Amino acid sequence: MSFIKDFISSIRNLHTSNLSDKDSLERVVNKFTKVVKCAWEKNSKIVNITKYSKSWWNDNCSRDLERYRLTRSLEDWKSFLKIVKTMKHSFFNLKIQEIVSKNEVLGNS
């Protein structure tokens, strides 16, 4: 949300009333590019996701994340979120079953 606020306040200051030639348009476009870059650098953070980050993370998660990073499409983002949810659900269900089984063995001893 901070990115959007910074971006909007910065583009409001762009002077676009006198775009009468190629040079003036190019200056505005370059300034716009700088505005986006500055807002992004101010509000983004580097996240390194590895196979060791989360026990539930697998190749499907990596594949869908990489697809989203390449396309930046909403559909690919939704696909990534769906696979993450599925993998977490499966992983934690398995852990719950392991705990239940272990407790049953210990309780029957």
PDB file of N, CA and C in Angstrom:
ATOM      1  N   MET A   1       0.819  -1.191   0.000  1.00  0.00           N
ATOM      2  CA  MET A   1       0.000   0.000   0.000  1.00  0.00           C
ATOM      3  C   MET A   1       0.867   1.262   0.000  1.00  0.00           C
ATOM      4  N   SER A   2       2.010   1.219   0.697  1.00  0.00           N
ATOM      5  CA  SER A   2       2.907   2.379   0.711  1.00  0.00           C
ATOM      6  C   SER A   2       3.445   2.678  -0.677  1.00  0.00           C
ATOM      7  N   PHE A   3       3.713   1.623  -1.431  1.00  0.00           N
ATOM      8  CA  PHE A   3       4.202   1.811  -2.799  1.00  0.00           C
ATOM      9  C   PHE A   3       3.198   2.636  -3.595  1.00  0.00           C
ATOM     10  N   ILE A   4       1.949   2.269  -3.504  1.00  0.00           N
ATOM     11  CA  ILE A   4       0.907   2.965  -4.277  1.00  0.00           C
ATOM     12  C   ILE A   4       0.794   4.418  -3.836  1.00  0.00           C
ATOM     13  N   LYS A   5       0.832   4.658  -2.535  1.00  0.00           N
ATOM     14  CA  LYS A   5       0.750   6.036  -2.040  1.00  0.00           C
ATOM     15  C   LYS A   5       1.933   6.872  -2.533  1.00  0.00           C
ATOM     16  N   ASP A   6       3.135   6.306  -2.425  1.00  0.00           N
ATOM     17  CA  ASP A   6       4.320   7.027  -2.906  1.00  0.00           C
ATOM     18  C   ASP A   6       4.248   7.268  -4.403  1.00  0.00           C
ATOM     19  N   PHE A   7       3.815   6.255  -5.127  1.00  0.00           N
ATOM     20  CA  PHE A   7       3.708   6.358  -6.581  1.00  0.00           C
ATOM     21  C   PHE A   7       2.715   7.451  -6.977  1.00  0.00           C
ATOM     22  N   ILE A   8       1.538   7.426  -6.384  1.00  0.00           N
ATOM     23  CA  ILE A   8       0.499   8.409  -6.729  1.00  0.00           C
ATOM     24  C   ILE A   8       0.948   9.823  -6.393  1.00  0.00           C
ATOM     25  N   SER A   9       1.540   9.999  -5.217  1.00  0.00           N
ATOM     26  CA  SER A   9       1.965  11.359  -4.868  1.00  0.00           C
ATOM     27  C   SER A   9       3.066  11.849  -5.796  1.00  0.00           C
ATOM     28  N   SER A  10       3.921  10.958  -6.250  1.00  0.00           N
ATOM     29  CA  SER A  10       5.005  11.358  -7.156  1.00  0.00           C
ATOM     30  C   SER A  10       4.508  11.671  -8.564  1.00  0.00           C
ATOM     31  N   ILE A  11       3.566  10.883  -9.070  1.00  0.00           N
ATOM     32  CA  ILE A  11       3.112  11.153 -10.447  1.00  0.00           C
ATOM     33  C   ILE A  11       2.236  12.398 -10.512  1.00  0.00           C
ATOM     34  N   ARG A  12       1.681  12.787  -9.390  1.00  0.00           N
ATOM     35  CA  ARG A  12       0.914  14.041  -9.385  1.00  0.00           C
ATOM     36  C   ARG A  12       1.809  15.233  -9.703  1.00  0.00           C
ATOM     37  N   ASN A  13       3.096  15.101  -9.391  1.00  0.00           N
ATOM     38  CA  ASN A  13       4.036  16.192  -9.625  1.00  0.00           C
ATOM     39  C   ASN A  13       4.613  16.206 -11.035  1.00  0.00           C
ATOM     40  N   LEU A  14       4.249  15.239 -11.849  1.00  0.00           N
ATOM     41  CA  LEU A  14       4.732  15.226 -13.232  1.00  0.00           C
ATOM     42  C   LEU A  14       3.983  16.286 -14.036  1.00  0.00           C
ATOM     43  N   HIS A  15       4.729  17.081 -14.742  1.00  0.00           N
ATOM     44  CA  HIS A  15       4.122  18.139 -15.555  1.00  0.00           C
ATOM     45  C   HIS A  15       3.890  17.602 -16.963  1.00  0.00           C
ATOM     46  N   THR A  16       2.644  17.377 -17.293  1.00  0.00           N
ATOM     47  CA  THR A  16       2.298  16.803 -18.600  1.00  0.00           C
ATOM     48  C   THR A  16       1.498  17.773 -19.471  1.00  0.00           C
ATOM     49  N   SER A  17       1.389  19.000 -19.037  1.00  0.00           N
ATOM     50  CA  SER A  17       0.562  19.949 -19.784  1.00  0.00           C
ATOM     51  C   SER A  17       1.210  20.416 -21.086  1.00  0.00           C
ATOM     52  N   ASN A  18       2.533  20.338 -21.173  1.00  0.00           N
ATOM     53  CA  ASN A  18       3.212  20.848 -22.364  1.00  0.00           C
ATOM     54  C   ASN A  18       3.979  19.720 -23.049  1.00  0.00           C
ATOM     55  N   LEU A  19       3.257  18.799 -23.624  1.00  0.00           N
ATOM     56  CA  LEU A  19       3.886  17.706 -24.365  1.00  0.00           C
ATOM     57  C   LEU A  19       3.768  17.991 -25.862  1.00  0.00           C
ATOM     58  N   SER A  20       4.462  19.004 -26.273  1.00  0.00           N
ATOM     59  CA  SER A  20       4.316  19.459 -27.653  1.00  0.00           C
ATOM     60  C   SER A  20       5.313  18.834 -28.624  1.00  0.00           C
ATOM     61  N   ASP A  21       6.356  18.214 -28.090  1.00  0.00           N
ATOM     62  CA  ASP A  21       7.326  17.604 -28.991  1.00  0.00           C
ATOM     63  C   ASP A  21       7.874  16.314 -28.371  1.00  0.00           C
ATOM     64  N   LYS A  22       8.670  15.648 -29.163  1.00  0.00           N
ATOM     65  CA  LYS A  22       9.221  14.356 -28.763  1.00  0.00           C
ATOM     66  C   LYS A  22      10.105  14.480 -27.522  1.00  0.00           C
ATOM     67  N   ASP A  23      10.893  15.525 -27.452  1.00  0.00           N
ATOM     68  CA  ASP A  23      11.814  15.714 -26.320  1.00  0.00           C
ATOM     69  C   ASP A  23      11.066  15.902 -25.002  1.00  0.00           C
ATOM     70  N   SER A  24      10.009  16.691 -25.031  1.00  0.00           N
ATOM     71  CA  SER A  24       9.253  16.909 -23.789  1.00  0.00           C
ATOM     72  C   SER A  24       8.548  15.625 -23.351  1.00  0.00           C
ATOM     73  N   LEU A  25       8.046  14.871 -24.320  1.00  0.00           N
ATOM     74  CA  LEU A  25       7.432  13.580 -23.991  1.00  0.00           C
ATOM     75  C   LEU A  25       8.470  12.632 -23.392  1.00  0.00           C
ATOM     76  N   GLU A  26       9.639  12.605 -23.994  1.00  0.00           N
ATOM     77  CA  GLU A  26      10.708  11.725 -23.510  1.00  0.00           C
ATOM     78  C   GLU A  26      11.130  12.101 -22.085  1.00  0.00           C
ATOM     79  N   ARG A  27      11.205  13.383 -21.775  1.00  0.00           N
ATOM     80  CA  ARG A  27      11.543  13.822 -20.420  1.00  0.00           C
ATOM     81  C   ARG A  27      10.497  13.345 -19.411  1.00  0.00           C
ATOM     82  N   VAL A  28       9.234  13.472 -19.762  1.00  0.00           N
ATOM     83  CA  VAL A  28       8.164  13.038 -18.856  1.00  0.00           C
ATOM     84  C   VAL A  28       8.198  11.521 -18.665  1.00  0.00           C
ATOM     85  N   VAL A  29       8.415  10.793 -19.732  1.00  0.00           N
ATOM     86  CA  VAL A  29       8.483   9.328 -19.636  1.00  0.00           C
ATOM     87  C   VAL A  29       9.669   8.909 -18.774  1.00  0.00           C
ATOM     88  N   ASN A  30      10.815   9.559 -18.954  1.00  0.00           N
ATOM     89  CA  ASN A  30      11.989   9.251 -18.137  1.00  0.00           C
ATOM     90  C   ASN A  30      11.744   9.567 -16.665  1.00  0.00           C
ATOM     91  N   LYS A  31      11.087  10.680 -16.423  1.00  0.00           N
ATOM     92  CA  LYS A  31      10.765  11.052 -15.041  1.00  0.00           C
ATOM     93  C   LYS A  31       9.778  10.047 -14.437  1.00  0.00           C
ATOM     94  N   PHE A  32       8.805   9.637 -15.239  1.00  0.00           N
ATOM     95  CA  PHE A  32       7.843   8.628 -14.795  1.00  0.00           C
ATOM     96  C   PHE A  32       8.565   7.330 -14.421  1.00  0.00           C
ATOM     97  N   THR A  33       9.517   6.922 -15.249  1.00  0.00           N
ATOM     98  CA  THR A  33      10.290   5.714 -14.986  1.00  0.00           C
ATOM     99  C   THR A  33      11.042   5.839 -13.660  1.00  0.00           C
ATOM    100  N   LYS A  34      11.632   6.985 -13.427  1.00  0.00           N
ATOM    101  CA  LYS A  34      12.355   7.221 -12.171  1.00  0.00           C
ATOM    102  C   LYS A  34      11.415   7.185 -10.973  1.00  0.00           C
ATOM    103  N   VAL A  35      10.223   7.727 -11.136  1.00  0.00           N
ATOM    104  CA  VAL A  35       9.232   7.723 -10.057  1.00  0.00           C
ATOM    105  C   VAL A  35       8.880   6.287  -9.667  1.00  0.00           C
ATOM    106  N   VAL A  36       8.615   5.466 -10.661  1.00  0.00           N
ATOM    107  CA  VAL A  36       8.269   4.066 -10.398  1.00  0.00           C
ATOM    108  C   VAL A  36       9.442   3.364  -9.716  1.00  0.00           C
ATOM    109  N   LYS A  37      10.625   3.558 -10.241  1.00  0.00           N
ATOM    110  CA  LYS A  37      11.812   2.909  -9.690  1.00  0.00           C
ATOM    111  C   LYS A  37      12.050   3.328  -8.244  1.00  0.00           C
ATOM    112  N   CYS A  38      11.968   4.605  -7.966  1.00  0.00           N
ATOM    113  CA  CYS A  38      12.196   5.099  -6.604  1.00  0.00           C
ATOM    114  C   CYS A  38      11.152   4.563  -5.630  1.00  0.00           C
ATOM    115  N   ALA A  39       9.898   4.590  -6.039  1.00  0.00           N
ATOM    116  CA  ALA A  39       8.828   4.073  -5.167  1.00  0.00           C
ATOM    117  C   ALA A  39       9.018   2.588  -4.919  1.00  0.00           C
ATOM    118  N   TRP A  40       9.413   1.867  -5.962  1.00  0.00           N
ATOM    119  CA  TRP A  40       9.624   0.414  -5.817  1.00  0.00           C
ATOM    120  C   TRP A  40      10.791   0.134  -4.876  1.00  0.00           C
ATOM    121  N   GLU A  41      11.910   0.814  -5.096  1.00  0.00           N
ATOM    122  CA  GLU A  41      13.087   0.580  -4.259  1.00  0.00           C
ATOM    123  C   GLU A  41      12.837   0.962  -2.810  1.00  0.00           C
ATOM    124  N   LYS A  42      12.049   1.971  -2.582  1.00  0.00           N
ATOM    125  CA  LYS A  42      11.737   2.401  -1.218  1.00  0.00           C
ATOM    126  C   LYS A  42      10.856   1.390  -0.502  1.00  0.00           C
ATOM    127  N   ASN A  43       9.941   0.745  -1.219  1.00  0.00           N
ATOM    128  CA  ASN A  43       8.913  -0.086  -0.568  1.00  0.00           C
ATOM    129  C   ASN A  43       9.073  -1.586  -0.770  1.00  0.00           C
ATOM    130  N   SER A  44      10.018  -2.017  -1.567  1.00  0.00           N
ATOM    131  CA  SER A  44      10.160  -3.453  -1.802  1.00  0.00           C
ATOM    132  C   SER A  44      11.258  -4.020  -0.918  1.00  0.00           C
ATOM    133  N   LYS A  45      11.235  -5.316  -0.796  1.00  0.00           N
ATOM    134  CA  LYS A  45      12.306  -5.989  -0.073  1.00  0.00           C
ATOM    135  C   LYS A  45      12.654  -7.262  -0.835  1.00  0.00           C
ATOM    136  N   ILE A  46      13.893  -7.681  -0.692  1.00  0.00           N
ATOM    137  CA  ILE A  46      14.347  -8.880  -1.376  1.00  0.00           C
ATOM    138  C   ILE A  46      13.994 -10.085  -0.514  1.00  0.00           C
ATOM    139  N   VAL A  47      13.336 -11.040  -1.137  1.00  0.00           N
ATOM    140  CA  VAL A  47      12.966 -12.268  -0.454  1.00  0.00           C
ATOM    141  C   VAL A  47      13.590 -13.421  -1.218  1.00  0.00           C
ATOM    142  N   ASN A  48      14.384 -14.185  -0.543  1.00  0.00           N
ATOM    143  CA  ASN A  48      15.003 -15.353  -1.157  1.00  0.00           C
ATOM    144  C   ASN A  48      14.307 -16.603  -0.641  1.00  0.00           C
ATOM    145  N   ILE A  49      13.577 -17.238  -1.500  1.00  0.00           N
ATOM    146  CA  ILE A  49      12.877 -18.456  -1.135  1.00  0.00           C
ATOM    147  C   ILE A  49      13.702 -19.633  -1.626  1.00  0.00           C
ATOM    148  N   THR A  50      14.006 -20.513  -0.717  1.00  0.00           N
ATOM    149  CA  THR A  50      14.767 -21.708  -1.077  1.00  0.00           C
ATOM    150  C   THR A  50      13.993 -22.933  -0.624  1.00  0.00           C
ATOM    151  N   LYS A  51      14.468 -24.085  -1.036  1.00  0.00           N
ATOM    152  CA  LYS A  51      13.785 -25.308  -0.632  1.00  0.00           C
ATOM    153  C   LYS A  51      13.922 -25.552   0.864  1.00  0.00           C
ATOM    154  N   TYR A  52      14.816 -24.835   1.523  1.00  0.00           N
ATOM    155  CA  TYR A  52      15.009 -24.993   2.965  1.00  0.00           C
ATOM    156  C   TYR A  52      14.174 -23.997   3.772  1.00  0.00           C
ATOM    157  N   SER A  53      13.524 -23.073   3.111  1.00  0.00           N
ATOM    158  CA  SER A  53      12.763 -22.046   3.808  1.00  0.00           C
ATOM    159  C   SER A  53      11.556 -22.615   4.541  1.00  0.00           C
ATOM    160  N   LYS A  54      10.836 -23.464   3.890  1.00  0.00           N
ATOM    161  CA  LYS A  54       9.620 -24.045   4.453  1.00  0.00           C
ATOM    162  C   LYS A  54       9.614 -25.532   4.171  1.00  0.00           C
ATOM    163  N   SER A  55       9.235 -26.305   5.146  1.00  0.00           N
ATOM    164  CA  SER A  55       9.214 -27.761   4.971  1.00  0.00           C
ATOM    165  C   SER A  55       8.204 -28.194   3.917  1.00  0.00           C
ATOM    166  N   TRP A  56       7.170 -27.440   3.731  1.00  0.00           N
ATOM    167  CA  TRP A  56       6.123 -27.818   2.781  1.00  0.00           C
ATOM    168  C   TRP A  56       6.446 -27.378   1.352  1.00  0.00           C
ATOM    169  N   TRP A  57       7.476 -26.535   1.174  1.00  0.00           N
ATOM    170  CA  TRP A  57       7.828 -26.009  -0.139  1.00  0.00           C
ATOM    171  C   TRP A  57       8.332 -27.142  -1.030  1.00  0.00           C
ATOM    172  N   ASN A  58       7.885 -27.166  -2.286  1.00  0.00           N
ATOM    173  CA  ASN A  58       8.348 -28.207  -3.204  1.00  0.00           C
ATOM    174  C   ASN A  58       8.578 -27.626  -4.599  1.00  0.00           C
ATOM    175  N   ASP A  59       8.904 -28.500  -5.538  1.00  0.00           N
ATOM    176  CA  ASP A  59       9.196 -28.044  -6.907  1.00  0.00           C
ATOM    177  C   ASP A  59       7.998 -27.369  -7.565  1.00  0.00           C
ATOM    178  N   ASN A  60       6.788 -27.805  -7.233  1.00  0.00           N
ATOM    179  CA  ASN A  60       5.588 -27.176  -7.805  1.00  0.00           C
ATOM    180  C   ASN A  60       5.484 -25.716  -7.355  1.00  0.00           C
ATOM    181  N   CYS A  61       5.808 -25.463  -6.091  1.00  0.00           N
ATOM    182  CA  CYS A  61       5.781 -24.091  -5.581  1.00  0.00           C
ATOM    183  C   CYS A  61       6.816 -23.240  -6.318  1.00  0.00           C
ATOM    184  N   SER A  62       8.017 -23.787  -6.460  1.00  0.00           N
ATOM    185  CA  SER A  62       9.086 -23.063  -7.156  1.00  0.00           C
ATOM    186  C   SER A  62       8.701 -22.782  -8.603  1.00  0.00           C
ATOM    187  N   ARG A  63       8.140 -23.777  -9.261  1.00  0.00           N
ATOM    188  CA  ARG A  63       7.753 -23.624 -10.665  1.00  0.00           C
ATOM    189  C   ARG A  63       6.705 -22.528 -10.826  1.00  0.00           C
ATOM    190  N   ASP A  64       5.662 -22.564  -9.982  1.00  0.00           N
ATOM    191  CA  ASP A  64       4.593 -21.571 -10.110  1.00  0.00           C
ATOM    192  C   ASP A  64       5.062 -20.177  -9.715  1.00  0.00           C
ATOM    193  N   LEU A  65       5.950 -20.097  -8.734  1.00  0.00           N
ATOM    194  CA  LEU A  65       6.494 -18.787  -8.363  1.00  0.00           C
ATOM    195  C   LEU A  65       7.331 -18.226  -9.499  1.00  0.00           C
ATOM    196  N   GLU A  66       8.143 -19.050 -10.099  1.00  0.00           N
ATOM    197  CA  GLU A  66       8.976 -18.597 -11.222  1.00  0.00           C
ATOM    198  C   GLU A  66       8.101 -18.158 -12.399  1.00  0.00           C
ATOM    199  N   ARG A  67       7.032 -18.897 -12.673  1.00  0.00           N
ATOM    200  CA  ARG A  67       6.113 -18.511 -13.753  1.00  0.00           C
ATOM    201  C   ARG A  67       5.516 -17.144 -13.462  1.00  0.00           C
ATOM    202  N   TYR A  68       5.077 -16.939 -12.208  1.00  0.00           N
ATOM    203  CA  TYR A  68       4.506 -15.641 -11.854  1.00  0.00           C
ATOM    204  C   TYR A  68       5.547 -14.523 -11.997  1.00  0.00           C
ATOM    205  N   ARG A  69       6.767 -14.772 -11.541  1.00  0.00           N
ATOM    206  CA  ARG A  69       7.813 -13.750 -11.628  1.00  0.00           C
ATOM    207  C   ARG A  69       8.104 -13.362 -13.074  1.00  0.00           C
ATOM    208  N   LEU A  70       7.973 -14.304 -13.977  1.00  0.00           N
ATOM    209  CA  LEU A  70       8.216 -14.011 -15.388  1.00  0.00           C
ATOM    210  C   LEU A  70       7.069 -13.240 -16.016  1.00  0.00           C
ATOM    211  N   THR A  71       5.832 -13.615 -15.700  1.00  0.00           N
ATOM    212  CA  THR A  71       4.680 -13.020 -16.372  1.00  0.00           C
ATOM    213  C   THR A  71       4.029 -11.874 -15.604  1.00  0.00           C
ATOM    214  N   ARG A  72       4.105 -11.931 -14.270  1.00  0.00           N
ATOM    215  CA  ARG A  72       3.429 -10.951 -13.404  1.00  0.00           C
ATOM    216  C   ARG A  72       1.917 -10.907 -13.652  1.00  0.00           C
ATOM    217  N   SER A  73       1.377 -12.016 -14.117  1.00  0.00           N
ATOM    218  CA  SER A  73      -0.065 -12.032 -14.397  1.00  0.00           C
ATOM    219  C   SER A  73      -0.839 -12.443 -13.143  1.00  0.00           C
ATOM    220  N   LEU A  74      -2.042 -11.945 -13.050  1.00  0.00           N
ATOM    221  CA  LEU A  74      -2.900 -12.253 -11.918  1.00  0.00           C
ATOM    222  C   LEU A  74      -3.235 -13.744 -11.882  1.00  0.00           C
ATOM    223  N   GLU A  75      -3.450 -14.322 -13.023  1.00  0.00           N
ATOM    224  CA  GLU A  75      -3.763 -15.762 -13.088  1.00  0.00           C
ATOM    225  C   GLU A  75      -2.613 -16.609 -12.553  1.00  0.00           C
ATOM    226  N   ASP A  76      -1.386 -16.255 -12.915  1.00  0.00           N
ATOM    227  CA  ASP A  76      -0.230 -17.002 -12.415  1.00  0.00           C
ATOM    228  C   ASP A  76      -0.040 -16.795 -10.918  1.00  0.00           C
ATOM    229  N   TRP A  77      -0.348 -15.601 -10.420  1.00  0.00           N
ATOM    230  CA  TRP A  77      -0.274 -15.345  -8.988  1.00  0.00           C
ATOM    231  C   TRP A  77      -1.300 -16.214  -8.250  1.00  0.00           C
ATOM    232  N   LYS A  78      -2.511 -16.270  -8.785  1.00  0.00           N
ATOM    233  CA  LYS A  78      -3.552 -17.099  -8.166  1.00  0.00           C
ATOM    234  C   LYS A  78      -3.160 -18.572  -8.188  1.00  0.00           C
ATOM    235  N   SER A  79      -2.564 -19.010  -9.273  1.00  0.00           N
ATOM    236  CA  SER A  79      -2.106 -20.388  -9.383  1.00  0.00           C
ATOM    237  C   SER A  79      -1.042 -20.679  -8.334  1.00  0.00           C
ATOM    238  N   PHE A  80      -0.109 -19.747  -8.165  1.00  0.00           N
ATOM    239  CA  PHE A  80       0.930 -19.896  -7.148  1.00  0.00           C
ATOM    240  C   PHE A  80       0.318 -19.982  -5.755  1.00  0.00           C
ATOM    241  N   LEU A  81      -0.598 -19.090  -5.433  1.00  0.00           N
ATOM    242  CA  LEU A  81      -1.240 -19.113  -4.116  1.00  0.00           C
ATOM    243  C   LEU A  81      -2.001 -20.415  -3.883  1.00  0.00           C
ATOM    244  N   LYS A  82      -2.635 -20.909  -4.918  1.00  0.00           N
ATOM    245  CA  LYS A  82      -3.393 -22.153  -4.802  1.00  0.00           C
ATOM    246  C   LYS A  82      -2.465 -23.338  -4.520  1.00  0.00           C
ATOM    247  N   ILE A  83      -1.341 -23.413  -5.217  1.00  0.00           N
ATOM    248  CA  ILE A  83      -0.430 -24.529  -4.990  1.00  0.00           C
ATOM    249  C   ILE A  83       0.199 -24.422  -3.608  1.00  0.00           C
ATOM    250  N   VAL A  84       0.497 -23.218  -3.153  1.00  0.00           N
ATOM    251  CA  VAL A  84       1.046 -23.032  -1.801  1.00  0.00           C
ATOM    252  C   VAL A  84       0.032 -23.506  -0.761  1.00  0.00           C
ATOM    253  N   LYS A  85      -1.202 -23.108  -0.928  1.00  0.00           N
ATOM    254  CA  LYS A  85      -2.252 -23.522   0.018  1.00  0.00           C
ATOM    255  C   LYS A  85      -2.395 -25.042   0.017  1.00  0.00           C
ATOM    256  N   THR A  86      -2.385 -25.645  -1.145  1.00  0.00           N
ATOM    257  CA  THR A  86      -2.510 -27.097  -1.261  1.00  0.00           C
ATOM    258  C   THR A  86      -1.334 -27.803  -0.592  1.00  0.00           C
ATOM    259  N   MET A  87      -0.126 -27.319  -0.836  1.00  0.00           N
ATOM    260  CA  MET A  87       1.067 -27.950  -0.266  1.00  0.00           C
ATOM    261  C   MET A  87       1.104 -27.804   1.247  1.00  0.00           C
ATOM    262  N   LYS A  88       0.737 -26.632   1.751  1.00  0.00           N
ATOM    263  CA  LYS A  88       0.677 -26.438   3.206  1.00  0.00           C
ATOM    264  C   LYS A  88      -0.348 -27.383   3.820  1.00  0.00           C
ATOM    265  N   HIS A  89      -1.510 -27.444   3.205  1.00  0.00           N
ATOM    266  CA  HIS A  89      -2.589 -28.290   3.709  1.00  0.00           C
ATOM    267  C   HIS A  89      -2.140 -29.754   3.759  1.00  0.00           C
ATOM    268  N   SER A  90      -1.561 -30.234   2.686  1.00  0.00           N
ATOM    269  CA  SER A  90      -1.087 -31.623   2.637  1.00  0.00           C
ATOM    270  C   SER A  90       0.001 -31.869   3.670  1.00  0.00           C
ATOM    271  N   PHE A  91       0.947 -30.959   3.752  1.00  0.00           N
ATOM    272  CA  PHE A  91       2.059 -31.116   4.681  1.00  0.00           C
ATOM    273  C   PHE A  91       1.560 -31.188   6.130  1.00  0.00           C
ATOM    274  N   PHE A  92       0.700 -30.254   6.506  1.00  0.00           N
ATOM    275  CA  PHE A  92       0.255 -30.221   7.892  1.00  0.00           C
ATOM    276  C   PHE A  92      -0.718 -31.349   8.214  1.00  0.00           C
ATOM    277  N   ASN A  93      -1.499 -31.783   7.245  1.00  0.00           N
ATOM    278  CA  ASN A  93      -2.333 -32.974   7.469  1.00  0.00           C
ATOM    279  C   ASN A  93      -1.460 -34.193   7.729  1.00  0.00           C
ATOM    280  N   LEU A  94      -0.387 -34.334   6.981  1.00  0.00           N
ATOM    281  CA  LEU A  94       0.545 -35.442   7.181  1.00  0.00           C
ATOM    282  C   LEU A  94       1.180 -35.361   8.566  1.00  0.00           C
ATOM    283  N   LYS A  95       1.579 -34.182   8.988  1.00  0.00           N
ATOM    284  CA  LYS A  95       2.180 -34.006  10.315  1.00  0.00           C
ATOM    285  C   LYS A  95       1.182 -34.363  11.412  1.00  0.00           C
ATOM    286  N   ILE A  96      -0.064 -33.954  11.228  1.00  0.00           N
ATOM    287  CA  ILE A  96      -1.107 -34.289  12.207  1.00  0.00           C
ATOM    288  C   ILE A  96      -1.289 -35.796  12.287  1.00  0.00           C
ATOM    289  N   GLN A  97      -1.325 -36.455  11.134  1.00  0.00           N
ATOM    290  CA  GLN A  97      -1.468 -37.915  11.122  1.00  0.00           C
ATOM    291  C   GLN A  97      -0.278 -38.597  11.799  1.00  0.00           C
ATOM    292  N   GLU A  98       0.923 -38.076  11.583  1.00  0.00           N
ATOM    293  CA  GLU A  98       2.101 -38.637  12.233  1.00  0.00           C
ATOM    294  C   GLU A  98       2.002 -38.507  13.749  1.00  0.00           C
ATOM    295  N   ILE A  99       1.551 -37.372  14.228  1.00  0.00           N
ATOM    296  CA  ILE A  99       1.405 -37.149  15.678  1.00  0.00           C
ATOM    297  C   ILE A  99       0.337 -38.070  16.248  1.00  0.00           C
ATOM    298  N   VAL A 100      -0.793 -38.189  15.545  1.00  0.00           N
ATOM    299  CA  VAL A 100      -1.869 -39.075  16.002  1.00  0.00           C
ATOM    300  C   VAL A 100      -1.374 -40.520  16.068  1.00  0.00           C
ATOM    301  N   SER A 101      -0.689 -40.954  15.031  1.00  0.00           N
ATOM    302  CA  SER A 101      -0.174 -42.331  14.999  1.00  0.00           C
ATOM    303  C   SER A 101       0.828 -42.562  16.121  1.00  0.00           C
ATOM    304  N   LYS A 102       1.702 -41.606  16.329  1.00  0.00           N
ATOM    305  CA  LYS A 102       2.706 -41.728  17.393  1.00  0.00           C
ATOM    306  C   LYS A 102       2.030 -41.797  18.760  1.00  0.00           C
ATOM    307  N   ASN A 103       1.008 -40.961  18.972  1.00  0.00           N
ATOM    308  CA  ASN A 103       0.297 -40.969  20.248  1.00  0.00           C
ATOM    309  C   ASN A 103      -0.478 -42.258  20.454  1.00  0.00           C
ATOM    310  N   GLU A 104      -1.036 -42.827  19.377  1.00  0.00           N
ATOM    311  CA  GLU A 104      -1.749 -44.094  19.480  1.00  0.00           C
ATOM    312  C   GLU A 104      -0.794 -45.226  19.881  1.00  0.00           C
ATOM    313  N   VAL A 105       0.391 -45.231  19.287  1.00  0.00           N
ATOM    314  CA  VAL A 105       1.398 -46.245  19.624  1.00  0.00           C
ATOM    315  C   VAL A 105       1.828 -46.097  21.070  1.00  0.00           C
ATOM    316  N   LEU A 106       2.080 -44.872  21.492  1.00  0.00           N
ATOM    317  CA  LEU A 106       2.490 -44.628  22.866  1.00  0.00           C
ATOM    318  C   LEU A 106       1.372 -44.940  23.858  1.00  0.00           C
ATOM    319  N   GLY A 107       0.158 -44.666  23.477  1.00  0.00           N
ATOM    320  CA  GLY A 107      -0.982 -44.928  24.355  1.00  0.00           C
ATOM    321  C   GLY A 107      -1.283 -46.409  24.500  1.00  0.00           C
ATOM    322  N   ASN A 108      -0.959 -47.233  23.487  1.00  0.00           N
ATOM    323  CA  ASN A 108      -1.229 -48.661  23.532  1.00  0.00           C
ATOM    324  C   ASN A 108      -0.110 -49.452  24.187  1.00  0.00           C
ATOM    325  N   SER A 109       1.014 -48.797  24.492  1.00  0.00           N
ATOM    326  CA  SER A 109       2.152 -49.518  25.075  1.00  0.00           C
ATOM    327  C   SER A 109       1.962 -49.789  26.542  1.00  0.00           C
TER     328      SER A 109
END
